[in-house]
Amino acid sequence: MKSSIKTDAKGRKKVLNMCDEPCAIEKGMRLIGGKWKGSIIYHLKDEPVRFNDLTRMLGGATKKMVDQRLKELEQEGMVIRKVISHRPVAVTYELTEFGRSALEILESLRVWSESYNIQI
């Protein structure tokens, strides 16, 4: 993180802290911070899950949204998509080793949220 000093129109100086492009927190949030991404990763923690089952687990997410997030997670190397049947098409999703590495962070977030009884 670097700091810079800016002067406003009235001559007052203000110190701004700016992330280098993009800082580590921002990079991590881009991977697991998108809407539904953390929840998807968390629901895949134990075993491969079929698409429709995952959508039901998430509750408020549409199938389109779940599909988009799964594609993003797959492109980022966090999830693997496996075709288990061609007629009818059935697929499962599971975490890669990289995806599993985010579980500790998500578990800490869950504990923190519960300990402070965070309401949304």
PDB file of N, CA and C in Angstrom:
ATOM      1  N   MET A   1       0.852  -1.165   0.000  1.00  0.00           N
ATOM      2  CA  MET A   1       0.000   0.000   0.000  1.00  0.00           C
ATOM      3  C   MET A   1       0.900   1.231   0.000  1.00  0.00           C
ATOM      4  N   LYS A   2       0.548   2.192  -0.809  1.00  0.00           N
ATOM      5  CA  LYS A   2       1.338   3.415  -0.831  1.00  0.00           C
ATOM      6  C   LYS A   2       0.447   4.588  -0.450  1.00  0.00           C
ATOM      7  N   SER A   3       1.065   5.615   0.086  1.00  0.00           N
ATOM      8  CA  SER A   3       0.338   6.804   0.503  1.00  0.00           C
ATOM      9  C   SER A   3       0.698   7.958  -0.415  1.00  0.00           C
ATOM     10  N   SER A   4      -0.269   8.824  -0.605  1.00  0.00           N
ATOM     11  CA  SER A   4       0.007  10.045  -1.340  1.00  0.00           C
ATOM     12  C   SER A   4      -0.700  11.184  -0.627  1.00  0.00           C
ATOM     13  N   ILE A   5      -0.167  12.372  -0.791  1.00  0.00           N
ATOM     14  CA  ILE A   5      -0.759  13.543  -0.147  1.00  0.00           C
ATOM     15  C   ILE A   5      -1.409  14.387  -1.225  1.00  0.00           C
ATOM     16  N   LYS A   6      -2.670  14.676  -1.030  1.00  0.00           N
ATOM     17  CA  LYS A   6      -3.421  15.522  -1.962  1.00  0.00           C
ATOM     18  C   LYS A   6      -3.822  16.801  -1.239  1.00  0.00           C
ATOM     19  N   THR A   7      -3.893  17.874  -1.981  1.00  0.00           N
ATOM     20  CA  THR A   7      -4.345  19.147  -1.438  1.00  0.00           C
ATOM     21  C   THR A   7      -5.688  19.483  -2.073  1.00  0.00           C
ATOM     22  N   ASP A   8      -6.685  19.804  -1.229  1.00  0.00           N
ATOM     23  CA  ASP A   8      -8.001  20.128  -1.772  1.00  0.00           C
ATOM     24  C   ASP A   8      -8.071  21.588  -2.191  1.00  0.00           C
ATOM     25  N   ALA A   9      -9.247  22.022  -2.652  1.00  0.00           N
ATOM     26  CA  ALA A   9      -9.425  23.377  -3.176  1.00  0.00           C
ATOM     27  C   ALA A   9      -9.161  24.450  -2.124  1.00  0.00           C
ATOM     28  N   LYS A  10      -9.327  24.126  -0.831  1.00  0.00           N
ATOM     29  CA  LYS A  10      -9.103  25.109   0.236  1.00  0.00           C
ATOM     30  C   LYS A  10      -7.680  25.046   0.786  1.00  0.00           C
ATOM     31  N   GLY A  11      -6.815  24.249   0.152  1.00  0.00           N
ATOM     32  CA  GLY A  11      -5.428  24.170   0.573  1.00  0.00           C
ATOM     33  C   GLY A  11      -5.166  23.177   1.695  1.00  0.00           C
ATOM     34  N   ARG A  12      -6.187  22.397   2.093  1.00  0.00           N
ATOM     35  CA  ARG A  12      -6.000  21.409   3.157  1.00  0.00           C
ATOM     36  C   ARG A  12      -5.343  20.162   2.576  1.00  0.00           C
ATOM     37  N   LYS A  13      -4.428  19.607   3.342  1.00  0.00           N
ATOM     38  CA  LYS A  13      -3.735  18.400   2.897  1.00  0.00           C
ATOM     39  C   LYS A  13      -4.437  17.176   3.447  1.00  0.00           C
ATOM     40  N   LYS A  14      -4.520  16.157   2.606  1.00  0.00           N
ATOM     41  CA  LYS A  14      -5.169  14.915   2.995  1.00  0.00           C
ATOM     42  C   LYS A  14      -4.287  13.753   2.535  1.00  0.00           C
ATOM     43  N   VAL A  15      -4.050  12.796   3.444  1.00  0.00           N
ATOM     44  CA  VAL A  15      -3.244  11.630   3.108  1.00  0.00           C
ATOM     45  C   VAL A  15      -4.179  10.540   2.596  1.00  0.00           C
ATOM     46  N   LEU A  16      -3.888  10.023   1.422  1.00  0.00           N
ATOM     47  CA  LEU A  16      -4.672   8.955   0.829  1.00  0.00           C
ATOM     48  C   LEU A  16      -3.835   7.681   0.798  1.00  0.00           C
ATOM     49  N   ASN A  17      -4.405   6.595   1.289  1.00  0.00           N
ATOM     50  CA  ASN A  17      -3.745   5.292   1.182  1.00  0.00           C
ATOM     51  C   ASN A  17      -4.364   4.574   0.004  1.00  0.00           C
ATOM     52  N   MET A  18      -3.521   4.153  -0.923  1.00  0.00           N
ATOM     53  CA  MET A  18      -4.016   3.498  -2.126  1.00  0.00           C
ATOM     54  C   MET A  18      -3.378   2.129  -2.257  1.00  0.00           C
ATOM     55  N   CYS A  19      -4.186   1.162  -2.675  1.00  0.00           N
ATOM     56  CA  CYS A  19      -3.656  -0.172  -2.949  1.00  0.00           C
ATOM     57  C   CYS A  19      -2.864  -0.132  -4.242  1.00  0.00           C
ATOM     58  N   ASP A  20      -1.746  -0.866  -4.242  1.00  0.00           N
ATOM     59  CA  ASP A  20      -1.060  -1.061  -5.507  1.00  0.00           C
ATOM     60  C   ASP A  20      -1.992  -1.899  -6.363  1.00  0.00           C
ATOM     61  N   GLU A  21      -1.830  -1.888  -7.616  1.00  0.00           N
ATOM     62  CA  GLU A  21      -2.780  -2.431  -8.573  1.00  0.00           C
ATOM     63  C   GLU A  21      -2.865  -3.936  -8.579  1.00  0.00           C
ATOM     64  N   PRO A  22      -3.927  -4.555  -8.435  1.00  0.00           N
ATOM     65  CA  PRO A  22      -4.804  -4.438  -7.264  1.00  0.00           C
ATOM     66  C   PRO A  22      -4.124  -5.109  -6.078  1.00  0.00           C
ATOM     67  N   CYS A  23      -4.408  -4.648  -4.886  1.00  0.00           N
ATOM     68  CA  CYS A  23      -3.733  -5.183  -3.707  1.00  0.00           C
ATOM     69  C   CYS A  23      -4.213  -6.617  -3.427  1.00  0.00           C
ATOM     70  N   ALA A  24      -3.521  -7.287  -2.531  1.00  0.00           N
ATOM     71  CA  ALA A  24      -3.793  -8.700  -2.250  1.00  0.00           C
ATOM     72  C   ALA A  24      -5.223  -8.923  -1.746  1.00  0.00           C
ATOM     73  N   ILE A  25      -5.735  -8.039  -0.920  1.00  0.00           N
ATOM     74  CA  ILE A  25      -7.104  -8.187  -0.420  1.00  0.00           C
ATOM     75  C   ILE A  25      -8.088  -8.107  -1.581  1.00  0.00           C
ATOM     76  N   GLU A  26      -7.890  -7.145  -2.447  1.00  0.00           N
ATOM     77  CA  GLU A  26      -8.774  -6.980  -3.597  1.00  0.00           C
ATOM     78  C   GLU A  26      -8.738  -8.207  -4.506  1.00  0.00           C
ATOM     79  N   LYS A  27      -7.543  -8.764  -4.731  1.00  0.00           N
ATOM     80  CA  LYS A  27      -7.423  -9.964  -5.557  1.00  0.00           C
ATOM     81  C   LYS A  27      -8.196 -11.126  -4.940  1.00  0.00           C
ATOM     82  N   GLY A  28      -8.031 -11.318  -3.630  1.00  0.00           N
ATOM     83  CA  GLY A  28      -8.743 -12.389  -2.943  1.00  0.00           C
ATOM     84  C   GLY A  28     -10.246 -12.199  -2.983  1.00  0.00           C
ATOM     85  N   MET A  29     -10.687 -10.967  -2.811  1.00  0.00           N
ATOM     86  CA  MET A  29     -12.122 -10.691  -2.838  1.00  0.00           C
ATOM     87  C   MET A  29     -12.702 -10.915  -4.230  1.00  0.00           C
ATOM     88  N   ARG A  30     -11.922 -10.665  -5.250  1.00  0.00           N
ATOM     89  CA  ARG A  30     -12.398 -10.936  -6.613  1.00  0.00           C
ATOM     90  C   ARG A  30     -12.634 -12.424  -6.816  1.00  0.00           C
ATOM     91  N   LEU A  31     -11.817 -13.261  -6.188  1.00  0.00           N
ATOM     92  CA  LEU A  31     -11.967 -14.709  -6.342  1.00  0.00           C
ATOM     93  C   LEU A  31     -13.132 -15.270  -5.538  1.00  0.00           C
ATOM     94  N   ILE A  32     -13.236 -14.903  -4.262  1.00  0.00           N
ATOM     95  CA  ILE A  32     -14.265 -15.542  -3.424  1.00  0.00           C
ATOM     96  C   ILE A  32     -15.325 -14.582  -2.922  1.00  0.00           C
ATOM     97  N   GLY A  33     -15.206 -13.299  -3.265  1.00  0.00           N
ATOM     98  CA  GLY A  33     -16.115 -12.312  -2.708  1.00  0.00           C
ATOM     99  C   GLY A  33     -17.323 -11.991  -3.560  1.00  0.00           C
ATOM    100  N   GLY A  34     -17.392 -12.510  -4.766  1.00  0.00           N
ATOM    101  CA  GLY A  34     -18.553 -12.235  -5.610  1.00  0.00           C
ATOM    102  C   GLY A  34     -19.809 -12.860  -5.029  1.00  0.00           C
ATOM    103  N   LYS A  35     -20.941 -12.316  -5.385  1.00  0.00           N
ATOM    104  CA  LYS A  35     -22.191 -12.840  -4.843  1.00  0.00           C
ATOM    105  C   LYS A  35     -22.319 -14.328  -5.166  1.00  0.00           C
ATOM    106  N   TRP A  36     -22.517 -15.122  -4.152  1.00  0.00           N
ATOM    107  CA  TRP A  36     -22.730 -16.571  -4.178  1.00  0.00           C
ATOM    108  C   TRP A  36     -21.452 -17.385  -4.270  1.00  0.00           C
ATOM    109  N   LYS A  37     -20.323 -16.791  -4.632  1.00  0.00           N
ATOM    110  CA  LYS A  37     -19.110 -17.586  -4.815  1.00  0.00           C
ATOM    111  C   LYS A  37     -18.673 -18.276  -3.522  1.00  0.00           C
ATOM    112  N   GLY A  38     -18.606 -17.523  -2.440  1.00  0.00           N
ATOM    113  CA  GLY A  38     -18.204 -18.114  -1.163  1.00  0.00           C
ATOM    114  C   GLY A  38     -19.153 -19.210  -0.728  1.00  0.00           C
ATOM    115  N   SER A  39     -20.435 -18.992  -0.915  1.00  0.00           N
ATOM    116  CA  SER A  39     -21.434 -20.004  -0.537  1.00  0.00           C
ATOM    117  C   SER A  39     -21.298 -21.255  -1.390  1.00  0.00           C
ATOM    118  N   ILE A  40     -21.042 -21.079  -2.667  1.00  0.00           N
ATOM    119  CA  ILE A  40     -20.849 -22.236  -3.557  1.00  0.00           C
ATOM    120  C   ILE A  40     -19.639 -23.042  -3.092  1.00  0.00           C
ATOM    121  N   ILE A  41     -18.535 -22.363  -2.849  1.00  0.00           N
ATOM    122  CA  ILE A  41     -17.327 -23.050  -2.393  1.00  0.00           C
ATOM    123  C   ILE A  41     -17.613 -23.798  -1.094  1.00  0.00           C
ATOM    124  N   TYR A  42     -18.295 -23.147  -0.176  1.00  0.00           N
ATOM    125  CA  TYR A  42     -18.578 -23.759   1.121  1.00  0.00           C
ATOM    126  C   TYR A  42     -19.454 -25.006   0.972  1.00  0.00           C
ATOM    127  N   HIS A  43     -20.430 -24.968   0.079  1.00  0.00           N
ATOM    128  CA  HIS A  43     -21.321 -26.121  -0.123  1.00  0.00           C
ATOM    129  C   HIS A  43     -20.628 -27.275  -0.844  1.00  0.00           C
ATOM    130  N   LEU A  44     -19.521 -27.010  -1.492  1.00  0.00           N
ATOM    131  CA  LEU A  44     -18.776 -28.069  -2.178  1.00  0.00           C
ATOM    132  C   LEU A  44     -17.677 -28.666  -1.295  1.00  0.00           C
ATOM    133  N   LYS A  45     -17.625 -28.259  -0.042  1.00  0.00           N
ATOM    134  CA  LYS A  45     -16.500 -28.644   0.820  1.00  0.00           C
ATOM    135  C   LYS A  45     -16.398 -30.130   1.103  1.00  0.00           C
ATOM    136  N   ASP A  46     -17.514 -30.853   1.147  1.00  0.00           N
ATOM    137  CA  ASP A  46     -17.485 -32.254   1.564  1.00  0.00           C
ATOM    138  C   ASP A  46     -17.402 -33.252   0.418  1.00  0.00           C
ATOM    139  N   GLU A  47     -18.075 -32.943  -0.681  1.00  0.00           N
ATOM    140  CA  GLU A  47     -18.152 -33.910  -1.777  1.00  0.00           C
ATOM    141  C   GLU A  47     -18.629 -33.211  -3.047  1.00  0.00           C
ATOM    142  N   PRO A  48     -18.500 -33.893  -4.197  1.00  0.00           N
ATOM    143  CA  PRO A  48     -19.057 -33.334  -5.426  1.00  0.00           C
ATOM    144  C   PRO A  48     -20.575 -33.177  -5.293  1.00  0.00           C
ATOM    145  N   VAL A  49     -21.099 -32.137  -5.891  1.00  0.00           N
ATOM    146  CA  VAL A  49     -22.535 -31.846  -5.809  1.00  0.00           C
ATOM    147  C   VAL A  49     -23.071 -31.609  -7.215  1.00  0.00           C
ATOM    148  N   ARG A  50     -24.244 -32.169  -7.479  1.00  0.00           N
ATOM    149  CA  ARG A  50     -24.891 -31.944  -8.767  1.00  0.00           C
ATOM    150  C   ARG A  50     -25.457 -30.535  -8.827  1.00  0.00           C
ATOM    151  N   PHE A  51     -25.576 -30.016 -10.049  1.00  0.00           N
ATOM    152  CA  PHE A  51     -25.998 -28.633 -10.266  1.00  0.00           C
ATOM    153  C   PHE A  51     -27.326 -28.316  -9.579  1.00  0.00           C
ATOM    154  N   ASN A  52     -28.363 -29.109  -9.831  1.00  0.00           N
ATOM    155  CA  ASN A  52     -29.674 -28.811  -9.253  1.00  0.00           C
ATOM    156  C   ASN A  52     -29.660 -28.882  -7.727  1.00  0.00           C
ATOM    157  N   ASP A  53     -28.895 -29.814  -7.171  1.00  0.00           N
ATOM    158  CA  ASP A  53     -28.783 -29.906  -5.710  1.00  0.00           C
ATOM    159  C   ASP A  53     -28.104 -28.660  -5.149  1.00  0.00           C
ATOM    160  N   LEU A  54     -27.073 -28.201  -5.828  1.00  0.00           N
ATOM    161  CA  LEU A  54     -26.367 -26.998  -5.393  1.00  0.00           C
ATOM    162  C   LEU A  54     -27.291 -25.785  -5.435  1.00  0.00           C
ATOM    163  N   THR A  55     -28.079 -25.675  -6.495  1.00  0.00           N
ATOM    164  CA  THR A  55     -29.023 -24.557  -6.616  1.00  0.00           C
ATOM    165  C   THR A  55     -30.021 -24.581  -5.461  1.00  0.00           C
ATOM    166  N   ARG A  56     -30.503 -25.763  -5.098  1.00  0.00           N
ATOM    167  CA  ARG A  56     -31.432 -25.883  -3.963  1.00  0.00           C
ATOM    168  C   ARG A  56     -30.753 -25.501  -2.648  1.00  0.00           C
ATOM    169  N   MET A  57     -29.503 -25.900  -2.479  1.00  0.00           N
ATOM    170  CA  MET A  57     -28.770 -25.571  -1.254  1.00  0.00           C
ATOM    171  C   MET A  57     -28.623 -24.059  -1.071  1.00  0.00           C
ATOM    172  N   LEU A  58     -28.468 -23.353  -2.182  1.00  0.00           N
ATOM    173  CA  LEU A  58     -28.236 -21.913  -2.124  1.00  0.00           C
ATOM    174  C   LEU A  58     -29.516 -21.124  -1.877  1.00  0.00           C
ATOM    175  N   GLY A  59     -30.650 -21.709  -2.132  1.00  0.00           N
ATOM    176  CA  GLY A  59     -31.909 -21.033  -1.823  1.00  0.00           C
ATOM    177  C   GLY A  59     -32.264 -19.906  -2.763  1.00  0.00           C
ATOM    178  N   GLY A  60     -31.783 -18.697  -2.507  1.00  0.00           N
ATOM    179  CA  GLY A  60     -32.219 -17.525  -3.252  1.00  0.00           C
ATOM    180  C   GLY A  60     -31.548 -17.288  -4.583  1.00  0.00           C
ATOM    181  N   ALA A  61     -30.605 -18.110  -4.968  1.00  0.00           N
ATOM    182  CA  ALA A  61     -29.891 -17.890  -6.230  1.00  0.00           C
ATOM    183  C   ALA A  61     -30.645 -18.533  -7.388  1.00  0.00           C
ATOM    184  N   THR A  62     -30.713 -17.827  -8.498  1.00  0.00           N
ATOM    185  CA  THR A  62     -31.339 -18.396  -9.691  1.00  0.00           C
ATOM    186  C   THR A  62     -30.379 -19.391 -10.335  1.00  0.00           C
ATOM    187  N   LYS A  63     -30.915 -20.268 -11.164  1.00  0.00           N
ATOM    188  CA  LYS A  63     -30.069 -21.235 -11.875  1.00  0.00           C
ATOM    189  C   LYS A  63     -29.074 -20.515 -12.768  1.00  0.00           C
ATOM    190  N   LYS A  64     -29.505 -19.424 -13.390  1.00  0.00           N
ATOM    191  CA  LYS A  64     -28.613 -18.651 -14.251  1.00  0.00           C
ATOM    192  C   LYS A  64     -27.440 -18.081 -13.449  1.00  0.00           C
ATOM    193  N   MET A  65     -27.730 -17.558 -12.263  1.00  0.00           N
ATOM    194  CA  MET A  65     -26.687 -16.979 -11.422  1.00  0.00           C
ATOM    195  C   MET A  65     -25.701 -18.056 -10.960  1.00  0.00           C
ATOM    196  N   VAL A  66     -26.235 -19.213 -10.541  1.00  0.00           N
ATOM    197  CA  VAL A  66     -25.377 -20.311 -10.095  1.00  0.00           C
ATOM    198  C   VAL A  66     -24.493 -20.777 -11.252  1.00  0.00           C
ATOM    199  N   ASP A  67     -25.079 -20.902 -12.427  1.00  0.00           N
ATOM    200  CA  ASP A  67     -24.325 -21.308 -13.611  1.00  0.00           C
ATOM    201  C   ASP A  67     -23.193 -20.324 -13.905  1.00  0.00           C
ATOM    202  N   GLN A  68     -23.482 -19.023 -13.843  1.00  0.00           N
ATOM    203  CA  GLN A  68     -22.462 -18.003 -14.108  1.00  0.00           C
ATOM    204  C   GLN A  68     -21.329 -18.081 -13.095  1.00  0.00           C
ATOM    205  N   ARG A  69     -21.679 -18.190 -11.818  1.00  0.00           N
ATOM    206  CA  ARG A  69     -20.646 -18.239 -10.777  1.00  0.00           C
ATOM    207  C   ARG A  69     -19.810 -19.513 -10.888  1.00  0.00           C
ATOM    208  N   LEU A  70     -20.452 -20.639 -11.201  1.00  0.00           N
ATOM    209  CA  LEU A  70     -19.699 -21.882 -11.372  1.00  0.00           C
ATOM    210  C   LEU A  70     -18.720 -21.780 -12.533  1.00  0.00           C
ATOM    211  N   LYS A  71     -19.148 -21.155 -13.629  1.00  0.00           N
ATOM    212  CA  LYS A  71     -18.250 -20.964 -14.771  1.00  0.00           C
ATOM    213  C   LYS A  71     -17.061 -20.090 -14.389  1.00  0.00           C
ATOM    214  N   GLU A  72     -17.313 -19.031 -13.629  1.00  0.00           N
ATOM    215  CA  GLU A  72     -16.228 -18.158 -13.171  1.00  0.00           C
ATOM    216  C   GLU A  72     -15.261 -18.930 -12.276  1.00  0.00           C
ATOM    217  N   LEU A  73     -15.815 -19.691 -11.322  1.00  0.00           N
ATOM    218  CA  LEU A  73     -14.968 -20.466 -10.412  1.00  0.00           C
ATOM    219  C   LEU A  73     -14.168 -21.528 -11.163  1.00  0.00           C
ATOM    220  N   GLU A  74     -14.772 -22.086 -12.206  1.00  0.00           N
ATOM    221  CA  GLU A  74     -14.071 -23.073 -13.023  1.00  0.00           C
ATOM    222  C   GLU A  74     -12.919 -22.406 -13.787  1.00  0.00           C
ATOM    223  N   GLN A  75     -13.175 -21.237 -14.377  1.00  0.00           N
ATOM    224  CA  GLN A  75     -12.135 -20.505 -15.109  1.00  0.00           C
ATOM    225  C   GLN A  75     -10.999 -20.082 -14.185  1.00  0.00           C
ATOM    226  N   GLU A  76     -11.329 -19.799 -12.917  1.00  0.00           N
ATOM    227  CA  GLU A  76     -10.320 -19.367 -11.952  1.00  0.00           C
ATOM    228  C   GLU A  76      -9.564 -20.547 -11.344  1.00  0.00           C
ATOM    229  N   GLY A  77      -9.953 -21.761 -11.715  1.00  0.00           N
ATOM    230  CA  GLY A  77      -9.257 -22.943 -11.228  1.00  0.00           C
ATOM    231  C   GLY A  77      -9.660 -23.394  -9.837  1.00  0.00           C
ATOM    232  N   MET A  78     -10.821 -22.964  -9.369  1.00  0.00           N
ATOM    233  CA  MET A  78     -11.255 -23.317  -8.023  1.00  0.00           C
ATOM    234  C   MET A  78     -12.238 -24.494  -8.014  1.00  0.00           C
ATOM    235  N   VAL A  79     -12.885 -24.743  -9.141  1.00  0.00           N
ATOM    236  CA  VAL A  79     -13.913 -25.782  -9.243  1.00  0.00           C
ATOM    237  C   VAL A  79     -13.671 -26.611 -10.497  1.00  0.00           C
ATOM    238  N   ILE A  80     -13.979 -27.898 -10.398  1.00  0.00           N
ATOM    239  CA  ILE A  80     -13.925 -28.795 -11.555  1.00  0.00           C
ATOM    240  C   ILE A  80     -15.343 -29.244 -11.876  1.00  0.00           C
ATOM    241  N   ARG A  81     -15.691 -29.203 -13.151  1.00  0.00           N
ATOM    242  CA  ARG A  81     -16.984 -29.679 -13.633  1.00  0.00           C
ATOM    243  C   ARG A  81     -16.769 -31.058 -14.244  1.00  0.00           C
ATOM    244  N   LYS A  82     -17.563 -32.053 -13.784  1.00  0.00           N
ATOM    245  CA  LYS A  82     -17.443 -33.411 -14.317  1.00  0.00           C
ATOM    246  C   LYS A  82     -18.789 -33.877 -14.852  1.00  0.00           C
ATOM    247  N   VAL A  83     -18.790 -34.340 -16.103  1.00  0.00           N
ATOM    248  CA  VAL A  83     -20.002 -34.900 -16.698  1.00  0.00           C
ATOM    249  C   VAL A  83     -20.120 -36.333 -16.209  1.00  0.00           C
ATOM    250  N   ILE A  84     -21.258 -36.662 -15.568  1.00  0.00           N
ATOM    251  CA  ILE A  84     -21.432 -38.019 -15.044  1.00  0.00           C
ATOM    252  C   ILE A  84     -22.435 -38.831 -15.861  1.00  0.00           C
ATOM    253  N   SER A  85     -23.188 -38.143 -16.719  1.00  0.00           N
ATOM    254  CA  SER A  85     -24.143 -38.826 -17.584  1.00  0.00           C
ATOM    255  C   SER A  85     -24.398 -37.946 -18.799  1.00  0.00           C
ATOM    256  N   HIS A  86     -24.469 -38.584 -19.981  1.00  0.00           N
ATOM    257  CA  HIS A  86     -24.703 -37.807 -21.197  1.00  0.00           C
ATOM    258  C   HIS A  86     -26.176 -37.755 -21.579  1.00  0.00           C
ATOM    259  N   ARG A  87     -26.964 -38.749 -21.187  1.00  0.00           N
ATOM    260  CA  ARG A  87     -28.395 -38.789 -21.517  1.00  0.00           C
ATOM    261  C   ARG A  87     -29.183 -39.195 -20.314  1.00  0.00           C
ATOM    262  N   PRO A  88     -29.864 -38.349 -19.657  1.00  0.00           N
ATOM    263  CA  PRO A  88     -29.803 -36.887 -19.784  1.00  0.00           C
ATOM    264  C   PRO A  88     -28.481 -36.372 -19.219  1.00  0.00           C
ATOM    265  N   VAL A  89     -28.121 -35.182 -19.635  1.00  0.00           N
ATOM    266  CA  VAL A  89     -26.858 -34.603 -19.188  1.00  0.00           C
ATOM    267  C   VAL A  89     -26.936 -34.350 -17.682  1.00  0.00           C
ATOM    268  N   ALA A  90     -25.956 -34.862 -16.973  1.00  0.00           N
ATOM    269  CA  ALA A  90     -25.853 -34.628 -15.532  1.00  0.00           C
ATOM    270  C   ALA A  90     -24.398 -34.319 -15.221  1.00  0.00           C
ATOM    271  N   VAL A  91     -24.175 -33.282 -14.439  1.00  0.00           N
ATOM    272  CA  VAL A  91     -22.819 -32.890 -14.081  1.00  0.00           C
ATOM    273  C   VAL A  91     -22.709 -32.703 -12.578  1.00  0.00           C
ATOM    274  N   THR A  92     -21.497 -32.885 -12.078  1.00  0.00           N
ATOM    275  CA  THR A  92     -21.213 -32.557 -10.686  1.00  0.00           C
ATOM    276  C   THR A  92     -20.102 -31.518 -10.666  1.00  0.00           C
ATOM    277  N   TYR A  93     -20.023 -30.843  -9.564  1.00  0.00           N
ATOM    278  CA  TYR A  93     -18.978 -29.848  -9.355  1.00  0.00           C
ATOM    279  C   TYR A  93     -18.255 -30.198  -8.071  1.00  0.00           C
ATOM    280  N   GLU A  94     -16.934 -30.047  -8.100  1.00  0.00           N
ATOM    281  CA  GLU A  94     -16.143 -30.287  -6.898  1.00  0.00           C
ATOM    282  C   GLU A  94     -14.998 -29.293  -6.843  1.00  0.00           C
ATOM    283  N   LEU A  95     -14.451 -29.127  -5.651  1.00  0.00           N
ATOM    284  CA  LEU A  95     -13.368 -28.179  -5.454  1.00  0.00           C
ATOM    285  C   LEU A  95     -12.036 -28.750  -5.913  1.00  0.00           C
ATOM    286  N   THR A  96     -11.218 -27.892  -6.464  1.00  0.00           N
ATOM    287  CA  THR A  96      -9.834 -28.237  -6.742  1.00  0.00           C
ATOM    288  C   THR A  96      -9.047 -28.018  -5.443  1.00  0.00           C
ATOM    289  N   GLU A  97      -7.778 -28.344  -5.465  1.00  0.00           N
ATOM    290  CA  GLU A  97      -6.931 -28.083  -4.298  1.00  0.00           C
ATOM    291  C   GLU A  97      -6.898 -26.577  -4.015  1.00  0.00           C
ATOM    292  N   PHE A  98      -6.836 -25.791  -5.079  1.00  0.00           N
ATOM    293  CA  PHE A  98      -6.857 -24.326  -4.936  1.00  0.00           C
ATOM    294  C   PHE A  98      -8.174 -23.875  -4.301  1.00  0.00           C
ATOM    295  N   GLY A  99      -9.291 -24.443  -4.744  1.00  0.00           N
ATOM    296  CA  GLY A  99     -10.588 -24.113  -4.161  1.00  0.00           C
ATOM    297  C   GLY A  99     -10.655 -24.485  -2.689  1.00  0.00           C
ATOM    298  N   ARG A 100     -10.093 -25.638  -2.345  1.00  0.00           N
ATOM    299  CA  ARG A 100     -10.070 -26.090  -0.946  1.00  0.00           C
ATOM    300  C   ARG A 100      -9.268 -25.135  -0.057  1.00  0.00           C
ATOM    301  N   SER A 101      -8.288 -24.471  -0.658  1.00  0.00           N
ATOM    302  CA  SER A 101      -7.460 -23.551   0.127  1.00  0.00           C
ATOM    303  C   SER A 101      -8.271 -22.356   0.639  1.00  0.00           C
ATOM    304  N   ALA A 102      -9.423 -22.081   0.049  1.00  0.00           N
ATOM    305  CA  ALA A 102     -10.267 -20.964   0.492  1.00  0.00           C
ATOM    306  C   ALA A 102     -11.185 -21.356   1.652  1.00  0.00           C
ATOM    307  N   LEU A 103     -11.313 -22.647   1.935  1.00  0.00           N
ATOM    308  CA  LEU A 103     -12.252 -23.092   2.966  1.00  0.00           C
ATOM    309  C   LEU A 103     -11.912 -22.562   4.352  1.00  0.00           C
ATOM    310  N   GLU A 104     -10.634 -22.471   4.681  1.00  0.00           N
ATOM    311  CA  GLU A 104     -10.239 -21.955   5.995  1.00  0.00           C
ATOM    312  C   GLU A 104     -10.674 -20.496   6.153  1.00  0.00           C
ATOM    313  N   ILE A 105     -10.524 -19.737   5.089  1.00  0.00           N
ATOM    314  CA  ILE A 105     -10.942 -18.324   5.108  1.00  0.00           C
ATOM    315  C   ILE A 105     -12.454 -18.241   5.299  1.00  0.00           C
ATOM    316  N   LEU A 106     -13.193 -19.044   4.547  1.00  0.00           N
ATOM    317  CA  LEU A 106     -14.658 -19.011   4.641  1.00  0.00           C
ATOM    318  C   LEU A 106     -15.144 -19.496   6.004  1.00  0.00           C
ATOM    319  N   GLU A 107     -14.474 -20.487   6.569  1.00  0.00           N
ATOM    320  CA  GLU A 107     -14.846 -20.965   7.909  1.00  0.00           C
ATOM    321  C   GLU A 107     -14.600 -19.867   8.940  1.00  0.00           C
ATOM    322  N   SER A 108     -13.495 -19.157   8.825  1.00  0.00           N
ATOM    323  CA  SER A 108     -13.216 -18.035   9.736  1.00  0.00           C
ATOM    324  C   SER A 108     -14.271 -16.948   9.592  1.00  0.00           C
ATOM    325  N   LEU A 109     -14.684 -16.684   8.368  1.00  0.00           N
ATOM    326  CA  LEU A 109     -15.730 -15.697   8.120  1.00  0.00           C
ATOM    327  C   LEU A 109     -17.050 -16.134   8.758  1.00  0.00           C
ATOM    328  N   ARG A 110     -17.382 -17.432   8.628  1.00  0.00           N
ATOM    329  CA  ARG A 110     -18.602 -17.957   9.229  1.00  0.00           C
ATOM    330  C   ARG A 110     -18.576 -17.793  10.752  1.00  0.00           C
ATOM    331  N   VAL A 111     -17.470 -18.162  11.387  1.00  0.00           N
ATOM    332  CA  VAL A 111     -17.340 -18.055  12.841  1.00  0.00           C
ATOM    333  C   VAL A 111     -17.431 -16.602  13.279  1.00  0.00           C
ATOM    334  N   TRP A 112     -16.740 -15.715  12.582  1.00  0.00           N
ATOM    335  CA  TRP A 112     -16.777 -14.286  12.899  1.00  0.00           C
ATOM    336  C   TRP A 112     -18.203 -13.749  12.799  1.00  0.00           C
ATOM    337  N   SER A 113     -18.896 -14.103  11.712  1.00  0.00           N
ATOM    338  CA  SER A 113     -20.262 -13.640  11.493  1.00  0.00           C
ATOM    339  C   SER A 113     -21.195 -14.136  12.588  1.00  0.00           C
ATOM    340  N   GLU A 114     -21.062 -15.409  12.964  1.00  0.00           N
ATOM    341  CA  GLU A 114     -21.910 -15.967  14.025  1.00  0.00           C
ATOM    342  C   GLU A 114     -21.577 -15.361  15.391  1.00  0.00           C
ATOM    343  N   SER A 115     -20.293 -15.136  15.665  1.00  0.00           N
ATOM    344  CA  SER A 115     -19.908 -14.627  16.994  1.00  0.00           C
ATOM    345  C   SER A 115     -20.394 -13.203  17.218  1.00  0.00           C
ATOM    346  N   TYR A 116     -20.531 -12.436  16.163  1.00  0.00           N
ATOM    347  CA  TYR A 116     -21.039 -11.066  16.286  1.00  0.00           C
ATOM    348  C   TYR A 116     -22.508 -10.952  15.896  1.00  0.00           C
ATOM    349  N   ASN A 117     -23.139 -12.096  15.656  1.00  0.00           N
ATOM    350  CA  ASN A 117     -24.559 -12.140  15.290  1.00  0.00           C
ATOM    351  C   ASN A 117     -24.893 -11.115  14.213  1.00  0.00           C
ATOM    352  N   ILE A 118     -24.105 -11.137  13.146  1.00  0.00           N
ATOM    353  CA  ILE A 118     -24.260 -10.172  12.060  1.00  0.00           C
ATOM    354  C   ILE A 118     -25.580 -10.399  11.345  1.00  0.00           C
ATOM    355  N   GLN A 119     -26.346  -9.343  11.215  1.00  0.00           N
ATOM    356  CA  GLN A 119     -27.654  -9.398  10.546  1.00  0.00           C
ATOM    357  C   GLN A 119     -27.546  -8.669   9.214  1.00  0.00           C
ATOM    358  N   ILE A 120     -28.182  -9.235   8.195  1.00  0.00           N
ATOM    359  CA  ILE A 120     -28.185  -8.543   6.889  1.00  0.00           C
ATOM    360  C   ILE A 120     -29.604  -8.259   6.463  1.00  0.00           C
TER     361      ILE A 120
END
